[in-house]
Amino acid sequence: MRENGIVVGSVRTWRCITTKADQLNAVATNELDRDFTATRVNEKWVTDVTFVPTEEG
């Protein structure tokens, strides 16, 4: 393509949309308040979900 002078007009980059504004859904309370120390097994579980693909997007 470069030898024939053909160039791409635009490049679309894929972008993950992770936030939908919804006033009806409240933010969950911060139960741990950044205190991740546990005194027994399975006392505190945490996770971070960044992106979960669904049919709805």
Protein backbone atom coordinates (compact mmCIF):
# COMPACT_ATOMS: atom_id res chain seq x y z
CA MET A 1 0.00 0.00 0.00
CA ARG A 2 2.80 2.40 0.87
CA GLU A 3 4.52 1.77 -2.47
CA ASN A 4 1.28 2.63 -4.32
CA GLY A 5 0.59 5.76 -2.25
CA ILE A 6 -2.49 4.28 -0.57
CA VAL A 7 -3.12 5.57 2.95
CA VAL A 8 -5.82 4.87 5.48
CA GLY A 9 -8.26 7.77 5.92
CA SER A 10 -8.96 7.19 9.61
CA VAL A 11 -8.22 4.64 12.25
CA ARG A 12 -10.96 3.72 14.68
CA THR A 13 -9.74 2.60 18.04
CA TRP A 14 -11.87 0.33 20.20
CA ARG A 15 -12.91 1.99 23.42
CA CYS A 16 -14.53 0.26 26.35
CA ILE A 17 -17.49 2.19 27.78
CA THR A 18 -17.66 1.27 31.45
CA THR A 19 -19.91 3.91 32.94
CA LYS A 20 -23.59 4.62 32.41
CA ALA A 21 -25.00 7.46 34.44
CA ASP A 22 -27.95 6.12 36.42
CA GLN A 23 -29.26 8.19 39.30
CA LEU A 24 -31.38 5.28 40.59
CA ASN A 25 -28.35 3.10 41.40
CA ALA A 26 -26.52 4.24 44.51
CA VAL A 27 -22.83 3.72 45.22
CA ALA A 28 -22.20 0.87 47.65
CA THR A 29 -21.02 1.75 51.14
CA ASN A 30 -17.33 1.40 51.95
CA GLU A 31 -17.52 -1.31 54.62
CA LEU A 32 -13.75 -1.88 54.87
CA ASP A 33 -12.65 1.76 54.89
CA ARG A 34 -9.30 0.55 53.46
CA ASP A 35 -8.69 -1.75 56.46
CA PHE A 36 -7.78 -4.99 54.66
CA THR A 37 -6.33 -6.81 57.68
CA ALA A 38 -8.25 -9.92 58.70
CA THR A 39 -8.21 -11.74 62.04
CA ARG A 40 -9.51 -15.03 60.62
CA VAL A 41 -9.73 -16.85 57.29
CA ASN A 42 -12.49 -15.68 54.89
CA GLU A 43 -13.30 -12.65 57.04
CA LYS A 44 -12.81 -10.12 54.23
CA TRP A 45 -13.06 -10.68 50.50
CA VAL A 46 -12.42 -7.94 47.96
CA THR A 47 -12.32 -7.73 44.18
CA ASP A 48 -12.08 -5.24 41.37
CA VAL A 49 -14.17 -5.72 38.25
CA THR A 50 -12.95 -3.46 35.48
CA PHE A 51 -14.86 -4.80 32.47
CA VAL A 52 -17.39 -7.56 31.94
CA PRO A 53 -18.54 -7.97 28.31
CA THR A 54 -22.30 -8.48 27.93
CA GLU A 55 -24.73 -8.65 25.02
CA GLU A 56 -26.14 -5.26 26.04
CA GLY A 57 -22.71 -3.66 25.96
